[in-house]
Structures are given as structure tokens and as C-alpha cells.
N, C-alpha and C. Protein backbone atom coordinates (compact mmCIF):
# COMPACT_ATOMS: atom_id res chain seq x y z
N UNK A 1 1.29 -19.11 -25.46
CA UNK A 1 0.54 -18.16 -24.68
C UNK A 1 -0.42 -18.92 -23.77
N UNK A 2 -0.63 -18.38 -22.61
CA UNK A 2 -1.63 -18.93 -21.71
C UNK A 2 -2.61 -17.83 -21.33
N UNK A 3 -3.80 -18.23 -20.90
CA UNK A 3 -4.80 -17.25 -20.52
C UNK A 3 -5.60 -17.75 -19.33
N UNK A 4 -6.18 -16.80 -18.60
CA UNK A 4 -7.09 -17.12 -17.51
C UNK A 4 -8.21 -16.08 -17.48
N UNK A 5 -9.30 -16.48 -16.88
CA UNK A 5 -10.40 -15.58 -16.58
C UNK A 5 -10.64 -15.72 -15.09
N UNK A 6 -10.71 -14.60 -14.40
CA UNK A 6 -10.95 -14.62 -12.97
C UNK A 6 -11.74 -13.40 -12.56
N UNK A 7 -12.20 -13.39 -11.33
CA UNK A 7 -12.99 -12.25 -10.88
C UNK A 7 -12.60 -11.83 -9.48
N UNK A 8 -12.86 -10.58 -9.20
CA UNK A 8 -12.60 -10.00 -7.88
C UNK A 8 -13.83 -9.22 -7.44
N UNK A 9 -14.22 -9.35 -6.18
CA UNK A 9 -15.31 -8.51 -5.72
C UNK A 9 -14.86 -7.06 -5.64
N UNK A 10 -15.77 -6.17 -5.92
CA UNK A 10 -15.53 -4.75 -5.68
C UNK A 10 -16.16 -4.47 -4.32
N UNK A 11 -15.35 -4.07 -3.38
CA UNK A 11 -15.81 -3.89 -2.02
C UNK A 11 -16.91 -2.83 -1.94
N UNK A 12 -17.83 -2.97 -0.99
CA UNK A 12 -18.92 -1.99 -0.86
C UNK A 12 -18.39 -0.56 -0.78
N UNK A 13 -19.04 0.33 -1.54
CA UNK A 13 -18.65 1.73 -1.54
C UNK A 13 -17.45 2.06 -2.41
N UNK A 14 -16.91 1.08 -3.14
CA UNK A 14 -15.69 1.29 -3.93
C UNK A 14 -15.93 1.29 -5.44
N UNK A 15 -17.19 1.31 -5.88
CA UNK A 15 -17.46 1.25 -7.32
C UNK A 15 -16.90 2.46 -8.06
N UNK A 16 -17.05 3.65 -7.52
CA UNK A 16 -16.53 4.84 -8.21
C UNK A 16 -15.00 4.81 -8.26
N UNK A 17 -14.36 4.34 -7.21
CA UNK A 17 -12.90 4.20 -7.21
C UNK A 17 -12.48 3.17 -8.26
N UNK A 18 -13.26 2.08 -8.40
CA UNK A 18 -12.97 1.07 -9.41
C UNK A 18 -13.08 1.67 -10.81
N UNK A 19 -14.13 2.44 -11.04
CA UNK A 19 -14.30 3.06 -12.36
C UNK A 19 -13.14 4.01 -12.67
N UNK A 20 -12.67 4.74 -11.68
CA UNK A 20 -11.52 5.64 -11.88
C UNK A 20 -10.27 4.83 -12.20
N UNK A 21 -10.08 3.70 -11.52
CA UNK A 21 -8.92 2.85 -11.79
C UNK A 21 -9.01 2.26 -13.20
N UNK A 22 -10.20 1.87 -13.61
CA UNK A 22 -10.38 1.33 -14.96
C UNK A 22 -10.06 2.40 -16.01
N UNK A 23 -10.44 3.62 -15.74
CA UNK A 23 -10.12 4.72 -16.66
C UNK A 23 -8.60 4.94 -16.73
N UNK A 24 -7.94 4.85 -15.58
CA UNK A 24 -6.48 5.00 -15.52
C UNK A 24 -5.78 3.93 -16.33
N UNK A 25 -6.41 2.74 -16.45
CA UNK A 25 -5.79 1.62 -17.16
C UNK A 25 -5.66 1.88 -18.65
N UNK A 26 -6.14 3.00 -19.12
CA UNK A 26 -6.02 3.34 -20.53
C UNK A 26 -4.77 4.18 -20.81
N UNK A 27 -3.93 4.37 -19.79
CA UNK A 27 -2.77 5.24 -19.93
C UNK A 27 -1.47 4.52 -20.21
N UNK A 28 -0.45 5.31 -20.44
CA UNK A 28 0.89 4.79 -20.78
C UNK A 28 1.54 4.02 -19.64
N UNK A 29 1.33 4.47 -18.40
CA UNK A 29 1.94 3.76 -17.26
C UNK A 29 1.40 2.34 -17.17
N UNK A 30 0.11 2.19 -17.37
CA UNK A 30 -0.52 0.87 -17.33
C UNK A 30 0.04 0.00 -18.45
N UNK A 31 0.16 0.56 -19.63
CA UNK A 31 0.70 -0.16 -20.78
C UNK A 31 2.12 -0.65 -20.47
N UNK A 32 2.96 0.21 -19.94
CA UNK A 32 4.34 -0.19 -19.61
C UNK A 32 4.35 -1.27 -18.53
N UNK A 33 3.46 -1.14 -17.55
CA UNK A 33 3.37 -2.12 -16.47
C UNK A 33 3.04 -3.51 -17.03
N UNK A 34 2.02 -3.58 -17.87
CA UNK A 34 1.63 -4.87 -18.42
C UNK A 34 2.72 -5.44 -19.33
N UNK A 35 3.38 -4.61 -20.10
CA UNK A 35 4.47 -5.10 -20.95
C UNK A 35 5.60 -5.67 -20.10
N UNK A 36 5.94 -5.01 -18.98
CA UNK A 36 6.98 -5.54 -18.08
C UNK A 36 6.60 -6.92 -17.56
N UNK A 37 5.32 -7.11 -17.30
CA UNK A 37 4.84 -8.38 -16.75
C UNK A 37 4.65 -9.46 -17.81
N UNK A 38 4.72 -9.09 -19.08
CA UNK A 38 4.52 -10.07 -20.14
C UNK A 38 3.05 -10.34 -20.45
N UNK A 39 2.17 -9.46 -20.01
CA UNK A 39 0.74 -9.59 -20.32
C UNK A 39 0.51 -8.95 -21.69
N UNK A 40 -0.01 -9.74 -22.64
CA UNK A 40 -0.21 -9.24 -24.00
C UNK A 40 -1.65 -8.82 -24.25
N UNK A 41 -2.57 -9.33 -23.43
CA UNK A 41 -3.97 -8.92 -23.57
C UNK A 41 -4.63 -8.99 -22.20
N UNK A 42 -5.45 -7.99 -21.94
CA UNK A 42 -6.19 -7.95 -20.69
C UNK A 42 -7.53 -7.28 -20.96
N UNK A 43 -8.60 -7.94 -20.56
CA UNK A 43 -9.94 -7.39 -20.69
C UNK A 43 -10.55 -7.41 -19.30
N UNK A 44 -11.04 -6.26 -18.86
CA UNK A 44 -11.66 -6.15 -17.54
C UNK A 44 -13.09 -5.64 -17.73
N UNK A 45 -14.04 -6.37 -17.18
CA UNK A 45 -15.46 -6.01 -17.30
C UNK A 45 -16.06 -5.85 -15.92
N UNK A 46 -17.08 -5.03 -15.84
CA UNK A 46 -17.86 -4.85 -14.62
C UNK A 46 -19.07 -5.77 -14.69
N UNK A 47 -19.25 -6.61 -13.68
CA UNK A 47 -20.43 -7.46 -13.58
C UNK A 47 -21.17 -7.09 -12.30
N UNK A 48 -22.40 -6.62 -12.47
CA UNK A 48 -23.21 -6.23 -11.32
C UNK A 48 -24.24 -7.32 -11.06
N UNK A 49 -24.26 -7.83 -9.83
CA UNK A 49 -25.14 -8.93 -9.45
C UNK A 49 -25.88 -8.57 -8.16
N UNK A 50 -26.91 -9.32 -7.82
CA UNK A 50 -27.58 -9.09 -6.54
C UNK A 50 -26.63 -9.29 -5.34
N UNK A 51 -25.57 -10.06 -5.53
CA UNK A 51 -24.59 -10.30 -4.47
C UNK A 51 -23.52 -9.22 -4.39
N UNK A 52 -23.53 -8.29 -5.34
CA UNK A 52 -22.55 -7.22 -5.35
C UNK A 52 -21.90 -7.06 -6.71
N UNK A 53 -20.97 -6.12 -6.78
CA UNK A 53 -20.26 -5.82 -8.02
C UNK A 53 -18.95 -6.60 -8.07
N UNK A 54 -18.60 -7.04 -9.29
CA UNK A 54 -17.37 -7.80 -9.49
C UNK A 54 -16.63 -7.28 -10.71
N UNK A 55 -15.30 -7.34 -10.65
CA UNK A 55 -14.47 -7.11 -11.82
C UNK A 55 -14.15 -8.49 -12.39
N UNK A 56 -14.47 -8.70 -13.65
CA UNK A 56 -14.18 -9.96 -14.34
C UNK A 56 -12.99 -9.68 -15.26
N UNK A 57 -11.96 -10.50 -15.14
CA UNK A 57 -10.69 -10.21 -15.80
C UNK A 57 -10.25 -11.37 -16.68
N UNK A 58 -9.96 -11.07 -17.93
CA UNK A 58 -9.33 -12.03 -18.84
C UNK A 58 -7.90 -11.55 -19.04
N UNK A 59 -6.94 -12.44 -18.86
CA UNK A 59 -5.54 -12.09 -19.08
C UNK A 59 -4.88 -13.15 -19.95
N UNK A 60 -4.02 -12.68 -20.83
CA UNK A 60 -3.25 -13.56 -21.70
C UNK A 60 -1.81 -13.11 -21.67
N UNK A 61 -0.92 -14.07 -21.56
CA UNK A 61 0.50 -13.74 -21.52
C UNK A 61 1.37 -14.96 -21.67
N UNK A 62 2.65 -14.73 -21.68
CA UNK A 62 3.62 -15.82 -21.86
C UNK A 62 3.72 -16.69 -20.63
N UNK A 63 3.70 -16.09 -19.44
CA UNK A 63 3.84 -16.81 -18.18
C UNK A 63 3.08 -16.03 -17.11
N UNK A 64 1.82 -16.39 -16.90
CA UNK A 64 0.97 -15.61 -16.00
C UNK A 64 1.38 -15.76 -14.53
N UNK A 65 1.91 -16.90 -14.14
CA UNK A 65 2.41 -17.03 -12.76
C UNK A 65 3.54 -16.03 -12.53
N UNK A 66 4.41 -15.90 -13.51
CA UNK A 66 5.51 -14.92 -13.42
C UNK A 66 4.95 -13.50 -13.40
N UNK A 67 3.91 -13.24 -14.20
CA UNK A 67 3.30 -11.91 -14.23
C UNK A 67 2.74 -11.54 -12.86
N UNK A 68 2.06 -12.47 -12.20
CA UNK A 68 1.53 -12.20 -10.87
C UNK A 68 2.66 -11.96 -9.88
N UNK A 69 3.72 -12.75 -9.97
CA UNK A 69 4.87 -12.56 -9.08
C UNK A 69 5.50 -11.18 -9.29
N UNK A 70 5.65 -10.79 -10.55
CA UNK A 70 6.20 -9.47 -10.85
C UNK A 70 5.30 -8.36 -10.31
N UNK A 71 3.98 -8.54 -10.44
CA UNK A 71 3.04 -7.54 -9.92
C UNK A 71 3.19 -7.41 -8.40
N UNK A 72 3.48 -8.51 -7.74
CA UNK A 72 3.63 -8.50 -6.28
C UNK A 72 4.95 -7.89 -5.84
N UNK A 73 6.00 -8.06 -6.64
CA UNK A 73 7.34 -7.68 -6.20
C UNK A 73 7.86 -6.38 -6.79
N UNK A 74 7.23 -5.87 -7.82
CA UNK A 74 7.75 -4.69 -8.51
C UNK A 74 7.84 -3.48 -7.57
N UNK A 75 8.94 -2.76 -7.69
CA UNK A 75 9.08 -1.52 -6.92
C UNK A 75 8.90 -0.29 -7.81
N UNK A 76 8.44 -0.52 -9.05
CA UNK A 76 8.11 0.59 -9.93
C UNK A 76 7.01 1.42 -9.27
N UNK A 77 7.15 2.74 -9.22
CA UNK A 77 6.15 3.58 -8.53
C UNK A 77 4.71 3.35 -9.01
N UNK A 78 4.51 3.16 -10.30
CA UNK A 78 3.15 2.91 -10.79
C UNK A 78 2.62 1.58 -10.28
N UNK A 79 3.47 0.54 -10.33
CA UNK A 79 3.03 -0.78 -9.86
C UNK A 79 2.70 -0.76 -8.37
N UNK A 80 3.49 -0.04 -7.59
CA UNK A 80 3.22 0.09 -6.15
C UNK A 80 1.88 0.79 -5.95
N UNK A 81 1.66 1.87 -6.68
CA UNK A 81 0.39 2.59 -6.59
C UNK A 81 -0.78 1.69 -7.00
N UNK A 82 -0.61 0.94 -8.09
CA UNK A 82 -1.66 0.06 -8.57
C UNK A 82 -1.99 -1.02 -7.55
N UNK A 83 -0.97 -1.62 -6.94
CA UNK A 83 -1.18 -2.62 -5.88
C UNK A 83 -2.00 -2.03 -4.74
N UNK A 84 -1.65 -0.81 -4.34
CA UNK A 84 -2.40 -0.16 -3.26
C UNK A 84 -3.87 0.03 -3.64
N UNK A 85 -4.12 0.37 -4.91
CA UNK A 85 -5.48 0.57 -5.38
C UNK A 85 -6.28 -0.74 -5.35
N UNK A 86 -5.68 -1.82 -5.84
CA UNK A 86 -6.44 -3.08 -5.87
C UNK A 86 -6.65 -3.65 -4.47
N UNK A 87 -5.75 -3.33 -3.56
CA UNK A 87 -5.97 -3.75 -2.17
C UNK A 87 -7.16 -2.99 -1.59
N UNK A 88 -7.20 -1.68 -1.82
CA UNK A 88 -8.29 -0.86 -1.28
C UNK A 88 -9.63 -1.17 -1.93
N UNK A 89 -9.64 -1.40 -3.23
CA UNK A 89 -10.88 -1.59 -3.98
C UNK A 89 -11.39 -3.03 -3.90
N UNK A 90 -10.46 -3.98 -3.94
CA UNK A 90 -10.84 -5.40 -4.02
C UNK A 90 -10.48 -6.21 -2.77
N UNK A 91 -9.60 -5.70 -1.94
CA UNK A 91 -9.13 -6.48 -0.81
C UNK A 91 -8.06 -7.49 -1.19
N UNK A 92 -7.51 -7.38 -2.40
CA UNK A 92 -6.48 -8.30 -2.88
C UNK A 92 -5.15 -7.96 -2.21
N UNK A 93 -4.59 -8.90 -1.47
CA UNK A 93 -3.38 -8.65 -0.71
C UNK A 93 -2.13 -9.06 -1.48
N UNK A 94 -1.00 -8.60 -1.01
CA UNK A 94 0.28 -8.96 -1.59
C UNK A 94 0.48 -10.47 -1.57
N UNK A 95 0.08 -11.11 -0.49
CA UNK A 95 0.22 -12.57 -0.38
C UNK A 95 -0.61 -13.29 -1.45
N UNK A 96 -1.77 -12.74 -1.76
CA UNK A 96 -2.60 -13.35 -2.79
C UNK A 96 -1.94 -13.24 -4.16
N UNK A 97 -1.30 -12.11 -4.42
CA UNK A 97 -0.59 -11.94 -5.70
C UNK A 97 0.61 -12.86 -5.80
N UNK A 98 1.23 -13.19 -4.68
CA UNK A 98 2.42 -14.03 -4.70
C UNK A 98 2.10 -15.50 -4.88
N UNK A 99 0.83 -15.87 -4.72
CA UNK A 99 0.43 -17.26 -4.90
C UNK A 99 0.30 -17.60 -6.36
N UNK A 100 -0.20 -18.79 -6.63
CA UNK A 100 -0.43 -19.17 -8.04
C UNK A 100 -1.55 -18.33 -8.63
N UNK A 101 -1.66 -18.27 -9.96
CA UNK A 101 -2.77 -17.54 -10.56
C UNK A 101 -4.09 -17.99 -9.94
N UNK A 102 -5.05 -17.07 -9.83
CA UNK A 102 -6.26 -17.34 -9.07
C UNK A 102 -7.32 -18.18 -9.79
N UNK A 103 -7.03 -18.72 -10.94
CA UNK A 103 -8.01 -19.52 -11.67
C UNK A 103 -7.29 -20.59 -12.49
N UNK A 104 -8.02 -21.64 -12.79
CA UNK A 104 -7.53 -22.72 -13.63
C UNK A 104 -8.44 -22.79 -14.84
N UNK A 105 -7.86 -22.82 -16.02
CA UNK A 105 -8.65 -22.88 -17.25
C UNK A 105 -9.28 -24.26 -17.38
N UNK A 106 -10.59 -24.30 -17.58
CA UNK A 106 -11.31 -25.56 -17.76
C UNK A 106 -11.63 -25.83 -19.23
N UNK A 107 -11.92 -24.77 -19.98
CA UNK A 107 -12.22 -24.89 -21.41
C UNK A 107 -11.53 -23.74 -22.13
N UNK A 108 -10.84 -24.04 -23.21
CA UNK A 108 -10.18 -23.01 -24.02
C UNK A 108 -10.47 -23.34 -25.49
N UNK A 109 -11.67 -23.02 -25.92
CA UNK A 109 -12.09 -23.29 -27.30
C UNK A 109 -11.57 -22.18 -28.21
N UNK A 110 -11.05 -22.58 -29.35
CA UNK A 110 -10.62 -21.63 -30.38
C UNK A 110 -11.12 -22.13 -31.73
N UNK A 111 -11.80 -21.27 -32.43
CA UNK A 111 -12.31 -21.60 -33.75
C UNK A 111 -11.17 -21.51 -34.77
N UNK A 112 -11.26 -22.31 -35.80
CA UNK A 112 -10.28 -22.23 -36.88
C UNK A 112 -10.52 -21.00 -37.73
N UNK A 113 -11.59 -20.26 -37.48
CA UNK A 113 -11.97 -19.12 -38.30
C UNK A 113 -11.39 -17.82 -37.79
N UNK A 114 -10.33 -17.83 -37.06
CA UNK A 114 -9.73 -16.62 -36.49
C UNK A 114 -9.20 -15.74 -37.53
């Protein structure tokens, strides 16, 4: 398994749309989407700073580069809708999804007490 933590700005005026999208992520369509992509865990948090609001994302999966590629290329109606939402809310483009994962892990500490 591999994991990354990354963040996306929430564009000005889009916080309520982001909250609605986060609520939608609790549904069956989202679950099926992540399973198709091979994402086994995803945690999304809201971080509010003087510089603006950000979505902080932890993802874990078998092949995250493949997951991003699938997110960019999927023609599943939910995935298409979700892509449109993240473009509107975060400014994340299709080209950005097609690139390598947006972060590199620098430290991955795991306690033996799991």
C-alpha cells in the first residue's frame, strides 16, 4: 500500500459547495468510485487559514498514480460529475489529474502498536 497527503485550495466563495461535496462523499456512488480506483482509505479535512480555506487529503491505495489516472479518464457518470465539482470548487483540471500524484511522501512513521 502507498499513501499521500496533499491539499487543494477551496476557491473563494466555494466553501458551501465544498461542504456539500464532502457530504456527498458519504454515499454509495462515492464508495463505488473509490473502490474502482483502488483507494482503500481517504480522509478529507477542512483547514481554514488566514490565506484561505484548504481541503487536506490523505489517500491510501495500491497504486495512487493509477487511481489519479482512472479519476481523470473515467466515463462513469458519477466520476464525471465529481471531476466537474472539483474543477469548480478547487480549480483542479483534468491535466492535473493526469499527471503524477501531487505530493511525495517525506516521512511515513508507523508504530508497532497498531
